[in-house]
């Protein structure tokens, strides 16, 4: 089949059926919902797995209209996993100590999901593949029970994914026992990169987290493929290498500051004591809870983005053609900072002095007010260096837009994914598709 014929699927009879299983967390579900729209807009059928309390949160996204996306809410087994009722997303967990319980609850969805996908064959074709968050290793079993391929969606860029792969492969921290802040060189990497244990994604701690990380790596090694949330023109060296390896006031600038609900009580107390909002007047706007980040970044009045370097935010900023101020906290965010600042050269680092733990980010000062002031002044500078940085960001934004339109790299990669799943579905063993009760 030619690339052109793979660009769209005609007719529902031949349309592949993608089952998407995101991690129940806003930063994970959003990109996969975008993927669902992309696939369904290209003629594929999509089932998007979620839970009753997470389903309304998806409504904050633009309407899917007539796109054939089927939302499948599964009852989340909070009580069975030892979770308080209502803890159906990572954002709702009261503490890091319940993270393993949450992962166990997710794994309990395996049986109900398989049963529902089989029972829905009357009004929907059988699943052609499962695309699931890398943090859902249990979905590998779902795919094997259904006899379909599983693709892992890790939500990272190729730079960070390759970096983590090399770190795990070479076990770079095994000899580091006395100083978690000592940088260690990442071996067999296209450029020189150093990272400390404290700044690595493996700095998550808690009961069972080491074993859970090993489950993720083992299941991802069995996956039929990886879906990377990036575009080739931004990081071609690392896309190629990854494929080969697998085979604010002080700045005097107007600003918008978005604060998550988890930090809201302490933040409101600080605002009251400090008088921050009255001092900044019309210069700054503080938004509690959710904000339309994409709309803000794409507004012509926005000049730069102060980001924690979560990959979703970095990618949205790149697509908007904006430079960044990087203030990473944990996970792969320090690697993303390396890409933004040192490789793409579209960012200015705040100079974070340590790494936080997920769930307790507010403990300890990662950067001072002076650090933020200096970085924002640099990123907004109109001199030669600042102008060159903005020009590079604008050019990256242009490449990002070109990547998703007809003929772009991401456009054709989606087409090739659909084509691959179609071909796998057409050659699948019909015996596997039958329910156990149908076999004789």
Foldseek 3Di string as FASTA:
>chain_A
DDLVVLLADPDQVLAAEEEEAWAQDVLTVVVVVVVLLLSLVRPHAYEYEAAPVSVVVVVVDPDSPPRRYHYHHDHQPQVVLVHPPPPRHPVPGPFLQCPVSNLVSLLVCLVVVLVVQLVCCVPHPHHLEYEYELLNLSVLVSCVLQQHAYAYEPAAALQLVVQVVQCVVVVQCPPPDDDQQDWTWRPPHPDTDTGGNQAALPVADYPPPVVSVVSSVVSNLVGPYYDYPAACVLPVVSVVVSVVVNLPVLLVAQEEAEDAPVCPVVVVVCCVVVVVCVVCDRRYHYHYHDDPLLVVLLDPVDAEEEDLQRPVNVRSNLLSLHAYEYNHAHYSSVSSVCSRCPPLNLYFYLQFPGHHHPPPSVPDDRHDPVSVSVRSCQCPDPDPSNVVSSVSSNVSSVLSVQQCDPPHVVSSVSSVVSVVSSVSSVPGDVVSNDDPVPDD
